[in-house]
Amino acid sequence: GTILIYLGCANISGFFRAKPPTKDLNVTAGLAIISLFLIIYSGI
């Protein structure tokens, strides 16, 4: 839920003429890596 709210707010920020954080590959890669660890952790 936190990821959903963060991504929603980050992606909407472009409407207010701000650069969306998710436009940076490092942010999306960080979120994906965190998701990978969560997927592995949940299985273990």
PDB file of all heavy atoms in Angstrom:
ATOM      1  N   GLY A   1       0.820  -1.212   0.000  1.00  0.00           N
ATOM      2  CA  GLY A   1       0.000   0.000   0.000  1.00  0.00           C
ATOM      3  C   GLY A   1       0.853   1.260   0.000  1.00  0.00           C
ATOM      4  O   GLY A   1       0.541   2.242  -0.678  1.00  0.00           O
ATOM      5  N   THR A   2       1.940   1.227   0.752  1.00  0.00           N
ATOM      6  CA  THR A   2       2.861   2.363   0.777  1.00  0.00           C
ATOM      7  C   THR A   2       3.487   2.577  -0.601  1.00  0.00           C
ATOM      8  O   THR A   2       3.600   3.721  -1.068  1.00  0.00           O
ATOM      9  CB  THR A   2       3.954   2.138   1.838  1.00  0.00           C
ATOM     10  OG1 THR A   2       3.329   1.938   3.098  1.00  0.00           O
ATOM     11  CG2 THR A   2       4.899   3.317   1.908  1.00  0.00           C
ATOM     12  N   ILE A   3       3.878   1.481  -1.256  1.00  0.00           N
ATOM     13  CA  ILE A   3       4.442   1.586  -2.601  1.00  0.00           C
ATOM     14  C   ILE A   3       3.402   2.147  -3.566  1.00  0.00           C
ATOM     15  O   ILE A   3       3.714   2.994  -4.418  1.00  0.00           O
ATOM     16  CB  ILE A   3       4.956   0.212  -3.086  1.00  0.00           C
ATOM     17  CG1 ILE A   3       6.132  -0.251  -2.242  1.00  0.00           C
ATOM     18  CG2 ILE A   3       5.342   0.244  -4.552  1.00  0.00           C
ATOM     19  CD1 ILE A   3       7.358   0.609  -2.338  1.00  0.00           C
ATOM     20  N   LEU A   4       2.148   1.707  -3.425  1.00  0.00           N
ATOM     21  CA  LEU A   4       1.077   2.202  -4.289  1.00  0.00           C
ATOM     22  C   LEU A   4       0.878   3.710  -4.111  1.00  0.00           C
ATOM     23  O   LEU A   4       0.796   4.456  -5.098  1.00  0.00           O
ATOM     24  CB  LEU A   4      -0.226   1.453  -3.994  1.00  0.00           C
ATOM     25  CG  LEU A   4      -1.434   1.844  -4.829  1.00  0.00           C
ATOM     26  CD1 LEU A   4      -1.219   1.470  -6.298  1.00  0.00           C
ATOM     27  CD2 LEU A   4      -2.689   1.170  -4.302  1.00  0.00           C
ATOM     28  N   ILE A   5       0.832   4.160  -2.881  1.00  0.00           N
ATOM     29  CA  ILE A   5       0.653   5.598  -2.617  1.00  0.00           C
ATOM     30  C   ILE A   5       1.861   6.384  -3.113  1.00  0.00           C
ATOM     31  O   ILE A   5       1.721   7.441  -3.742  1.00  0.00           O
ATOM     32  CB  ILE A   5       0.403   5.845  -1.116  1.00  0.00           C
ATOM     33  CG1 ILE A   5      -0.959   5.269  -0.718  1.00  0.00           C
ATOM     34  CG2 ILE A   5       0.463   7.332  -0.782  1.00  0.00           C
ATOM     35  CD1 ILE A   5      -1.202   5.230   0.779  1.00  0.00           C
ATOM     36  N   TYR A   6       3.067   5.886  -2.844  1.00  0.00           N
ATOM     37  CA  TYR A   6       4.283   6.579  -3.296  1.00  0.00           C
ATOM     38  C   TYR A   6       4.308   6.703  -4.817  1.00  0.00           C
ATOM     39  O   TYR A   6       4.550   7.787  -5.356  1.00  0.00           O
ATOM     40  CB  TYR A   6       5.536   5.852  -2.809  1.00  0.00           C
ATOM     41  CG  TYR A   6       6.790   6.389  -3.453  1.00  0.00           C
ATOM     42  CD1 TYR A   6       7.301   7.627  -3.076  1.00  0.00           C
ATOM     43  CD2 TYR A   6       7.439   5.693  -4.463  1.00  0.00           C
ATOM     44  CE1 TYR A   6       8.435   8.141  -3.684  1.00  0.00           C
ATOM     45  CE2 TYR A   6       8.565   6.200  -5.070  1.00  0.00           C
ATOM     46  CZ  TYR A   6       9.059   7.421  -4.676  1.00  0.00           C
ATOM     47  OH  TYR A   6      10.162   7.932  -5.286  1.00  0.00           O
ATOM     48  N   LEU A   7       4.067   5.591  -5.513  1.00  0.00           N
ATOM     49  CA  LEU A   7       4.112   5.635  -6.977  1.00  0.00           C
ATOM     50  C   LEU A   7       3.006   6.512  -7.538  1.00  0.00           C
ATOM     51  O   LEU A   7       3.221   7.233  -8.518  1.00  0.00           O
ATOM     52  CB  LEU A   7       4.020   4.225  -7.551  1.00  0.00           C
ATOM     53  CG  LEU A   7       5.263   3.364  -7.403  1.00  0.00           C
ATOM     54  CD1 LEU A   7       4.993   1.952  -7.889  1.00  0.00           C
ATOM     55  CD2 LEU A   7       6.424   3.973  -8.146  1.00  0.00           C
ATOM     56  N   GLY A   8       1.832   6.457  -6.932  1.00  0.00           N
ATOM     57  CA  GLY A   8       0.743   7.310  -7.396  1.00  0.00           C
ATOM     58  C   GLY A   8       1.103   8.787  -7.274  1.00  0.00           C
ATOM     59  O   GLY A   8       0.943   9.563  -8.214  1.00  0.00           O
ATOM     60  N   CYS A   9       1.625   9.175  -6.115  1.00  0.00           N
ATOM     61  CA  CYS A   9       2.014  10.581  -5.908  1.00  0.00           C
ATOM     62  C   CYS A   9       3.206  10.966  -6.793  1.00  0.00           C
ATOM     63  O   CYS A   9       3.250  12.073  -7.341  1.00  0.00           O
ATOM     64  CB  CYS A   9       2.349  10.819  -4.442  1.00  0.00           C
ATOM     65  SG  CYS A   9       0.930  10.715  -3.348  1.00  0.00           S
ATOM     66  N   ALA A  10       4.160  10.063  -6.923  1.00  0.00           N
ATOM     67  CA  ALA A  10       5.348  10.358  -7.739  1.00  0.00           C
ATOM     68  C   ALA A  10       4.972  10.548  -9.201  1.00  0.00           C
ATOM     69  O   ALA A  10       5.472  11.461  -9.867  1.00  0.00           O
ATOM     70  CB  ALA A  10       6.369   9.234  -7.601  1.00  0.00           C
ATOM     71  N   ASN A  11       4.086   9.705  -9.705  1.00  0.00           N
ATOM     72  CA  ASN A  11       3.707   9.808 -11.114  1.00  0.00           C
ATOM     73  C   ASN A  11       2.813  11.013 -11.379  1.00  0.00           C
ATOM     74  O   ASN A  11       2.877  11.600 -12.459  1.00  0.00           O
ATOM     75  CB  ASN A  11       3.020   8.521 -11.567  1.00  0.00           C
ATOM     76  CG  ASN A  11       3.963   7.341 -11.579  1.00  0.00           C
ATOM     77  OD1 ASN A  11       5.174   7.506 -11.554  1.00  0.00           O
ATOM     78  ND2 ASN A  11       3.417   6.151 -11.599  1.00  0.00           N
ATOM     79  N   ILE A  12       2.012  11.408 -10.421  1.00  0.00           N
ATOM     80  CA  ILE A  12       1.138  12.574 -10.587  1.00  0.00           C
ATOM     81  C   ILE A  12       1.927  13.881 -10.516  1.00  0.00           C
ATOM     82  O   ILE A  12       1.490  14.902 -11.032  1.00  0.00           O
ATOM     83  CB  ILE A  12       0.009  12.552  -9.527  1.00  0.00           C
ATOM     84  CG1 ILE A  12      -0.999  11.477  -9.891  1.00  0.00           C
ATOM     85  CG2 ILE A  12      -0.678  13.886  -9.398  1.00  0.00           C
ATOM     86  CD1 ILE A  12      -2.081  11.289  -8.858  1.00  0.00           C
ATOM     87  N   SER A  13       3.109  13.849  -9.918  1.00  0.00           N
ATOM     88  CA  SER A  13       3.885  15.081  -9.746  1.00  0.00           C
ATOM     89  C   SER A  13       4.202  15.764 -11.082  1.00  0.00           C
ATOM     90  O   SER A  13       4.440  16.969 -11.119  1.00  0.00           O
ATOM     91  CB  SER A  13       5.177  14.804  -8.979  1.00  0.00           C
ATOM     92  OG  SER A  13       6.058  14.020  -9.747  1.00  0.00           O
ATOM     93  N   GLY A  14       4.201  15.019 -12.180  1.00  0.00           N
ATOM     94  CA  GLY A  14       4.445  15.622 -13.489  1.00  0.00           C
ATOM     95  C   GLY A  14       3.362  16.607 -13.889  1.00  0.00           C
ATOM     96  O   GLY A  14       3.604  17.537 -14.658  1.00  0.00           O
ATOM     97  N   PHE A  15       2.152  16.429 -13.371  1.00  0.00           N
ATOM     98  CA  PHE A  15       1.051  17.350 -13.669  1.00  0.00           C
ATOM     99  C   PHE A  15       1.358  18.745 -13.132  1.00  0.00           C
ATOM    100  O   PHE A  15       0.936  19.743 -13.702  1.00  0.00           O
ATOM    101  CB  PHE A  15      -0.252  16.826 -13.062  1.00  0.00           C
ATOM    102  CG  PHE A  15      -1.441  17.679 -13.367  1.00  0.00           C
ATOM    103  CD1 PHE A  15      -2.041  17.609 -14.611  1.00  0.00           C
ATOM    104  CD2 PHE A  15      -1.965  18.546 -12.430  1.00  0.00           C
ATOM    105  CE1 PHE A  15      -3.137  18.396 -14.913  1.00  0.00           C
ATOM    106  CE2 PHE A  15      -3.056  19.329 -12.713  1.00  0.00           C
ATOM    107  CZ  PHE A  15      -3.647  19.253 -13.969  1.00  0.00           C
ATOM    108  N   PHE A  16       2.089  18.813 -12.049  1.00  0.00           N
ATOM    109  CA  PHE A  16       2.423  20.095 -11.417  1.00  0.00           C
ATOM    110  C   PHE A  16       3.768  20.621 -11.891  1.00  0.00           C
ATOM    111  O   PHE A  16       4.404  21.406 -11.210  1.00  0.00           O
ATOM    112  CB  PHE A  16       2.402  19.924  -9.895  1.00  0.00           C
ATOM    113  CG  PHE A  16       1.084  19.431  -9.388  1.00  0.00           C
ATOM    114  CD1 PHE A  16       0.932  18.115  -8.974  1.00  0.00           C
ATOM    115  CD2 PHE A  16      -0.019  20.260  -9.374  1.00  0.00           C
ATOM    116  CE1 PHE A  16      -0.287  17.647  -8.526  1.00  0.00           C
ATOM    117  CE2 PHE A  16      -1.241  19.807  -8.933  1.00  0.00           C
ATOM    118  CZ  PHE A  16      -1.379  18.500  -8.510  1.00  0.00           C
ATOM    119  N   ARG A  17       4.193  20.139 -13.074  1.00  0.00           N
ATOM    120  CA  ARG A  17       5.416  20.572 -13.754  1.00  0.00           C
ATOM    121  C   ARG A  17       6.676  20.226 -12.973  1.00  0.00           C
ATOM    122  O   ARG A  17       7.716  20.874 -13.113  1.00  0.00           O
ATOM    123  CB  ARG A  17       5.389  22.076 -14.063  1.00  0.00           C
ATOM    124  CG  ARG A  17       4.191  22.551 -14.858  1.00  0.00           C
ATOM    125  CD  ARG A  17       3.931  21.847 -16.148  1.00  0.00           C
ATOM    126  NE  ARG A  17       5.060  21.938 -17.049  1.00  0.00           N
ATOM    127  CZ  ARG A  17       5.319  21.070 -18.002  1.00  0.00           C
ATOM    128  NH1 ARG A  17       4.532  20.043 -18.183  1.00  0.00           N
ATOM    129  NH2 ARG A  17       6.363  21.203 -18.782  1.00  0.00           N
ATOM    130  N   ALA A  18       6.602  19.222 -12.120  1.00  0.00           N
ATOM    131  CA  ALA A  18       7.781  18.712 -11.423  1.00  0.00           C
ATOM    132  C   ALA A  18       8.246  17.455 -12.156  1.00  0.00           C
ATOM    133  O   ALA A  18       7.458  16.765 -12.786  1.00  0.00           O
ATOM    134  CB  ALA A  18       7.442  18.389  -9.973  1.00  0.00           C
ATOM    135  N   LYS A  19       9.508  17.174 -12.063  1.00  0.00           N
ATOM    136  CA  LYS A  19      10.044  15.971 -12.701  1.00  0.00           C
ATOM    137  C   LYS A  19       9.661  14.758 -11.843  1.00  0.00           C
ATOM    138  O   LYS A  19      10.007  14.699 -10.663  1.00  0.00           O
ATOM    139  CB  LYS A  19      11.561  16.090 -12.797  1.00  0.00           C
ATOM    140  CG  LYS A  19      12.233  14.900 -13.396  1.00  0.00           C
ATOM    141  CD  LYS A  19      13.738  15.120 -13.425  1.00  0.00           C
ATOM    142  CE  LYS A  19      14.430  13.780 -13.387  1.00  0.00           C
ATOM    143  NZ  LYS A  19      15.849  13.893 -13.180  1.00  0.00           N
ATOM    144  N   PRO A  20       8.945  13.794 -12.417  1.00  0.00           N
ATOM    145  CA  PRO A  20       8.559  12.617 -11.624  1.00  0.00           C
ATOM    146  C   PRO A  20       9.789  11.813 -11.200  1.00  0.00           C
ATOM    147  O   PRO A  20      10.679  11.563 -12.016  1.00  0.00           O
ATOM    148  CB  PRO A  20       7.696  11.788 -12.580  1.00  0.00           C
ATOM    149  CG  PRO A  20       7.436  12.641 -13.763  1.00  0.00           C
ATOM    150  CD  PRO A  20       8.432  13.743 -13.775  1.00  0.00           C
ATOM    151  N   PRO A  21       9.868  11.413  -9.936  1.00  0.00           N
ATOM    152  CA  PRO A  21      11.016  10.617  -9.485  1.00  0.00           C
ATOM    153  C   PRO A  21      11.134   9.293 -10.235  1.00  0.00           C
ATOM    154  O   PRO A  21      12.233   8.784 -10.417  1.00  0.00           O
ATOM    155  CB  PRO A  21      10.747  10.367  -8.006  1.00  0.00           C
ATOM    156  CG  PRO A  21       9.654  11.276  -7.622  1.00  0.00           C
ATOM    157  CD  PRO A  21       8.953  11.709  -8.849  1.00  0.00           C
ATOM    158  N   THR A  22      10.014   8.754 -10.679  1.00  0.00           N
ATOM    159  CA  THR A  22      10.036   7.469 -11.377  1.00  0.00           C
ATOM    160  C   THR A  22      10.559   7.601 -12.803  1.00  0.00           C
ATOM    161  O   THR A  22      10.669   6.602 -13.506  1.00  0.00           O
ATOM    162  CB  THR A  22       8.637   6.842 -11.379  1.00  0.00           C
ATOM    163  OG1 THR A  22       7.679   7.812 -11.781  1.00  0.00           O
ATOM    164  CG2 THR A  22       8.282   6.323 -10.010  1.00  0.00           C
ATOM    165  N   LYS A  23      10.878   8.820 -13.213  1.00  0.00           N
ATOM    166  CA  LYS A  23      11.523   9.037 -14.509  1.00  0.00           C
ATOM    167  C   LYS A  23      13.008   8.674 -14.443  1.00  0.00           C
ATOM    168  O   LYS A  23      13.658   8.503 -15.456  1.00  0.00           O
ATOM    169  CB  LYS A  23      11.344  10.498 -14.921  1.00  0.00           C
ATOM    170  CG  LYS A  23      11.858  10.827 -16.296  1.00  0.00           C
ATOM    171  CD  LYS A  23      11.658  12.298 -16.571  1.00  0.00           C
ATOM    172  CE  LYS A  23      12.646  12.779 -17.570  1.00  0.00           C
ATOM    173  NZ  LYS A  23      13.889  13.277 -17.030  1.00  0.00           N
ATOM    174  N   ASP A  24      13.514   8.513 -13.236  1.00  0.00           N
ATOM    175  CA  ASP A  24      14.907   8.126 -13.019  1.00  0.00           C
ATOM    176  C   ASP A  24      14.981   6.605 -12.884  1.00  0.00           C
ATOM    177  O   ASP A  24      14.266   5.998 -12.084  1.00  0.00           O
ATOM    178  CB  ASP A  24      15.431   8.793 -11.749  1.00  0.00           C
ATOM    179  CG  ASP A  24      16.900   8.534 -11.514  1.00  0.00           C
ATOM    180  OD1 ASP A  24      17.545   7.878 -12.355  1.00  0.00           O
ATOM    181  OD2 ASP A  24      17.411   9.001 -10.480  1.00  0.00           O
ATOM    182  N   LEU A  25      15.837   5.992 -13.666  1.00  0.00           N
ATOM    183  CA  LEU A  25      15.978   4.535 -13.660  1.00  0.00           C
ATOM    184  C   LEU A  25      16.408   4.011 -12.291  1.00  0.00           C
ATOM    185  O   LEU A  25      16.036   2.908 -11.900  1.00  0.00           O
ATOM    186  CB  LEU A  25      16.969   4.100 -14.740  1.00  0.00           C
ATOM    187  CG  LEU A  25      17.120   2.606 -14.966  1.00  0.00           C
ATOM    188  CD1 LEU A  25      15.792   1.977 -15.350  1.00  0.00           C
ATOM    189  CD2 LEU A  25      18.158   2.343 -16.040  1.00  0.00           C
ATOM    190  N   ASN A  26      17.167   4.787 -11.538  1.00  0.00           N
ATOM    191  CA  ASN A  26      17.621   4.345 -10.219  1.00  0.00           C
ATOM    192  C   ASN A  26      16.461   4.141  -9.249  1.00  0.00           C
ATOM    193  O   ASN A  26      16.477   3.217  -8.439  1.00  0.00           O
ATOM    194  CB  ASN A  26      18.616   5.344  -9.628  1.00  0.00           C
ATOM    195  CG  ASN A  26      19.882   5.420 -10.425  1.00  0.00           C
ATOM    196  OD1 ASN A  26      20.423   4.407 -10.842  1.00  0.00           O
ATOM    197  ND2 ASN A  26      20.347   6.634 -10.669  1.00  0.00           N
ATOM    198  N   VAL A  27      15.459   5.002  -9.331  1.00  0.00           N
ATOM    199  CA  VAL A  27      14.299   4.876  -8.450  1.00  0.00           C
ATOM    200  C   VAL A  27      13.515   3.620  -8.786  1.00  0.00           C
ATOM    201  O   VAL A  27      13.169   2.834  -7.894  1.00  0.00           O
ATOM    202  CB  VAL A  27      13.399   6.134  -8.552  1.00  0.00           C
ATOM    203  CG1 VAL A  27      12.109   5.943  -7.774  1.00  0.00           C
ATOM    204  CG2 VAL A  27      14.142   7.357  -8.055  1.00  0.00           C
ATOM    205  N   THR A  28      13.229   3.406 -10.060  1.00  0.00           N
ATOM    206  CA  THR A  28      12.450   2.228 -10.436  1.00  0.00           C
ATOM    207  C   THR A  28      13.248   0.946 -10.193  1.00  0.00           C
ATOM    208  O   THR A  28      12.673  -0.065  -9.784  1.00  0.00           O
ATOM    209  CB  THR A  28      11.996   2.307 -11.902  1.00  0.00           C
ATOM    210  OG1 THR A  28      13.132   2.410 -12.760  1.00  0.00           O
ATOM    211  CG2 THR A  28      11.083   3.486 -12.122  1.00  0.00           C
ATOM    212  N   ALA A  29      14.559   0.988 -10.405  1.00  0.00           N
ATOM    213  CA  ALA A  29      15.385  -0.194 -10.123  1.00  0.00           C
ATOM    214  C   ALA A  29      15.407  -0.480  -8.625  1.00  0.00           C
ATOM    215  O   ALA A  29      15.327  -1.648  -8.214  1.00  0.00           O
ATOM    216  CB  ALA A  29      16.805   0.015 -10.640  1.00  0.00           C
ATOM    217  N   GLY A  30      15.499   0.553  -7.811  1.00  0.00           N
ATOM    218  CA  GLY A  30      15.463   0.364  -6.360  1.00  0.00           C
ATOM    219  C   GLY A  30      14.152  -0.256  -5.901  1.00  0.00           C
ATOM    220  O   GLY A  30      14.143  -1.176  -5.073  1.00  0.00           O
ATOM    221  N   LEU A  31      13.044   0.232  -6.441  1.00  0.00           N
ATOM    222  CA  LEU A  31      11.746  -0.347  -6.097  1.00  0.00           C
ATOM    223  C   LEU A  31      11.642  -1.802  -6.545  1.00  0.00           C
ATOM    224  O   LEU A  31      11.098  -2.645  -5.835  1.00  0.00           O
ATOM    225  CB  LEU A  31      10.612   0.473  -6.721  1.00  0.00           C
ATOM    226  CG  LEU A  31      10.373   1.849  -6.120  1.00  0.00           C
ATOM    227  CD1 LEU A  31       9.412   2.645  -6.988  1.00  0.00           C
ATOM    228  CD2 LEU A  31       9.839   1.720  -4.715  1.00  0.00           C
ATOM    229  N   ALA A  32      12.174  -2.091  -7.717  1.00  0.00           N
ATOM    230  CA  ALA A  32      12.132  -3.465  -8.221  1.00  0.00           C
ATOM    231  C   ALA A  32      13.001  -4.394  -7.384  1.00  0.00           C
ATOM    232  O   ALA A  32      12.614  -5.538  -7.119  1.00  0.00           O
ATOM    233  CB  ALA A  32      12.567  -3.493  -9.680  1.00  0.00           C
ATOM    234  N   ILE A  33      14.155  -3.924  -6.945  1.00  0.00           N
ATOM    235  CA  ILE A  33      15.034  -4.752  -6.110  1.00  0.00           C
ATOM    236  C   ILE A  33      14.389  -5.002  -4.747  1.00  0.00           C
ATOM    237  O   ILE A  33      14.436  -6.127  -4.219  1.00  0.00           O
ATOM    238  CB  ILE A  33      16.422  -4.102  -5.978  1.00  0.00           C
ATOM    239  CG1 ILE A  33      17.153  -4.189  -7.319  1.00  0.00           C
ATOM    240  CG2 ILE A  33      17.243  -4.761  -4.870  1.00  0.00           C
ATOM    241  CD1 ILE A  33      18.418  -3.366  -7.396  1.00  0.00           C
ATOM    242  N   ILE A  34      13.771  -3.977  -4.184  1.00  0.00           N
ATOM    243  CA  ILE A  34      13.060  -4.163  -2.922  1.00  0.00           C
ATOM    244  C   ILE A  34      11.936  -5.181  -3.101  1.00  0.00           C
ATOM    245  O   ILE A  34      11.725  -6.049  -2.246  1.00  0.00           O
ATOM    246  CB  ILE A  34      12.512  -2.813  -2.406  1.00  0.00           C
ATOM    247  CG1 ILE A  34      13.652  -1.913  -1.963  1.00  0.00           C
ATOM    248  CG2 ILE A  34      11.538  -3.031  -1.252  1.00  0.00           C
ATOM    249  CD1 ILE A  34      13.241  -0.489  -1.672  1.00  0.00           C
ATOM    250  N   SER A  35      11.237  -5.095  -4.219  1.00  0.00           N
ATOM    251  CA  SER A  35      10.169  -6.062  -4.498  1.00  0.00           C
ATOM    252  C   SER A  35      10.732  -7.470  -4.636  1.00  0.00           C
ATOM    253  O   SER A  35      10.121  -8.438  -4.163  1.00  0.00           O
ATOM    254  CB  SER A  35       9.415  -5.670  -5.770  1.00  0.00           C
ATOM    255  OG  SER A  35       8.739  -4.456  -5.583  1.00  0.00           O
ATOM    256  N   LEU A  36      11.893  -7.603  -5.274  1.00  0.00           N
ATOM    257  CA  LEU A  36      12.527  -8.914  -5.411  1.00  0.00           C
ATOM    258  C   LEU A  36      12.833  -9.504  -4.038  1.00  0.00           C
ATOM    259  O   LEU A  36      12.524 -10.669  -3.774  1.00  0.00           O
ATOM    260  CB  LEU A  36      13.819  -8.809  -6.231  1.00  0.00           C
ATOM    261  CG  LEU A  36      14.695 -10.061  -6.258  1.00  0.00           C
ATOM    262  CD1 LEU A  36      14.011 -11.181  -7.017  1.00  0.00           C
ATOM    263  CD2 LEU A  36      16.047  -9.739  -6.859  1.00  0.00           C
ATOM    264  N   PHE A  37      13.426  -8.705  -3.157  1.00  0.00           N
ATOM    265  CA  PHE A  37      13.733  -9.203  -1.818  1.00  0.00           C
ATOM    266  C   PHE A  37      12.463  -9.564  -1.051  1.00  0.00           C
ATOM    267  O   PHE A  37      12.447 -10.542  -0.305  1.00  0.00           O
ATOM    268  CB  PHE A  37      14.573  -8.191  -1.030  1.00  0.00           C
ATOM    269  CG  PHE A  37      16.001  -8.143  -1.468  1.00  0.00           C
ATOM    270  CD1 PHE A  37      16.583  -6.936  -1.825  1.00  0.00           C
ATOM    271  CD2 PHE A  37      16.769  -9.298  -1.545  1.00  0.00           C
ATOM    272  CE1 PHE A  37      17.908  -6.885  -2.232  1.00  0.00           C
ATOM    273  CE2 PHE A  37      18.087  -9.263  -1.951  1.00  0.00           C
ATOM    274  CZ  PHE A  37      18.669  -8.049  -2.297  1.00  0.00           C
ATOM    275  N   LEU A  38      11.405  -8.795  -1.239  1.00  0.00           N
ATOM    276  CA  LEU A  38      10.141  -9.102  -0.571  1.00  0.00           C
ATOM    277  C   LEU A  38       9.545 -10.405  -1.094  1.00  0.00           C
ATOM    278  O   LEU A  38       9.016 -11.210  -0.320  1.00  0.00           O
ATOM    279  CB  LEU A  38       9.151  -7.955  -0.751  1.00  0.00           C
ATOM    280  CG  LEU A  38       7.834  -8.115   0.008  1.00  0.00           C
ATOM    281  CD1 LEU A  38       8.075  -8.119   1.512  1.00  0.00           C
ATOM    282  CD2 LEU A  38       6.878  -7.013  -0.374  1.00  0.00           C
ATOM    283  N   ILE A  39       9.640 -10.630  -2.380  1.00  0.00           N
ATOM    284  CA  ILE A  39       9.133 -11.869  -2.974  1.00  0.00           C
ATOM    285  C   ILE A  39       9.913 -13.067  -2.434  1.00  0.00           C
ATOM    286  O   ILE A  39       9.326 -14.081  -2.039  1.00  0.00           O
ATOM    287  CB  ILE A  39       9.210 -11.795  -4.511  1.00  0.00           C
ATOM    288  CG1 ILE A  39       8.231 -10.752  -5.046  1.00  0.00           C
ATOM    289  CG2 ILE A  39       8.926 -13.150  -5.141  1.00  0.00           C
ATOM    290  CD1 ILE A  39       8.484 -10.345  -6.483  1.00  0.00           C
ATOM    291  N   ILE A  40      11.236 -12.959  -2.390  1.00  0.00           N
ATOM    292  CA  ILE A  40      12.067 -14.044  -1.866  1.00  0.00           C
ATOM    293  C   ILE A  40      11.776 -14.259  -0.376  1.00  0.00           C
ATOM    294  O   ILE A  40      11.592 -15.395   0.083  1.00  0.00           O
ATOM    295  CB  ILE A  40      13.564 -13.757  -2.101  1.00  0.00           C
ATOM    296  CG1 ILE A  40      13.875 -13.786  -3.597  1.00  0.00           C
ATOM    297  CG2 ILE A  40      14.441 -14.750  -1.348  1.00  0.00           C
ATOM    298  CD1 ILE A  40      15.262 -13.286  -3.946  1.00  0.00           C
ATOM    299  N   TYR A  41      11.705 -13.160   0.385  1.00  0.00           N
ATOM    300  CA  TYR A  41      11.435 -13.265   1.817  1.00  0.00           C
ATOM    301  C   TYR A  41      10.093 -13.929   2.083  1.00  0.00           C
ATOM    302  O   TYR A  41       9.976 -14.773   2.975  1.00  0.00           O
ATOM    303  CB  TYR A  41      11.476 -11.880   2.471  1.00  0.00           C
ATOM    304  CG  TYR A  41      10.950 -11.902   3.883  1.00  0.00           C
ATOM    305  CD1 TYR A  41      11.739 -12.359   4.932  1.00  0.00           C
ATOM    306  CD2 TYR A  41       9.650 -11.492   4.167  1.00  0.00           C
ATOM    307  CE1 TYR A  41      11.253 -12.400   6.226  1.00  0.00           C
ATOM    308  CE2 TYR A  41       9.154 -11.532   5.459  1.00  0.00           C
ATOM    309  CZ  TYR A  41       9.950 -11.985   6.478  1.00  0.00           C
ATOM    310  OH  TYR A  41       9.469 -12.032   7.757  1.00  0.00           O
ATOM    311  N   SER A  42       9.081 -13.544   1.319  1.00  0.00           N
ATOM    312  CA  SER A  42       7.746 -14.116   1.551  1.00  0.00           C
ATOM    313  C   SER A  42       7.742 -15.612   1.299  1.00  0.00           C
ATOM    314  O   SER A  42       7.104 -16.372   2.035  1.00  0.00           O
ATOM    315  CB  SER A  42       6.700 -13.412   0.688  1.00  0.00           C
ATOM    316  OG  SER A  42       6.932 -13.647  -0.681  1.00  0.00           O
ATOM    317  N   GLY A  43       8.462 -16.062   0.276  1.00  0.00           N
ATOM    318  CA  GLY A  43       8.549 -17.493   0.003  1.00  0.00           C
ATOM    319  C   GLY A  43       9.293 -18.243   1.094  1.00  0.00           C
ATOM    320  O   GLY A  43       8.872 -19.317   1.526  1.00  0.00           O
ATOM    321  N   ILE A  44      10.405 -17.679   1.559  1.00  0.00           N
ATOM    322  CA  ILE A  44      11.176 -18.324   2.624  1.00  0.00           C
ATOM    323  C   ILE A  44      10.382 -18.318   3.927  1.00  0.00           C
ATOM    324  O   ILE A  44      10.374 -19.308   4.666  1.00  0.00           O
ATOM    325  CB  ILE A  44      12.547 -17.633   2.796  1.00  0.00           C
ATOM    326  CG1 ILE A  44      13.415 -17.882   1.562  1.00  0.00           C
ATOM    327  CG2 ILE A  44      13.254 -18.110   4.056  1.00  0.00           C
ATOM    328  CD1 ILE A  44      14.705 -17.099   1.541  1.00  0.00           C
TER     329      ILE A  44
END
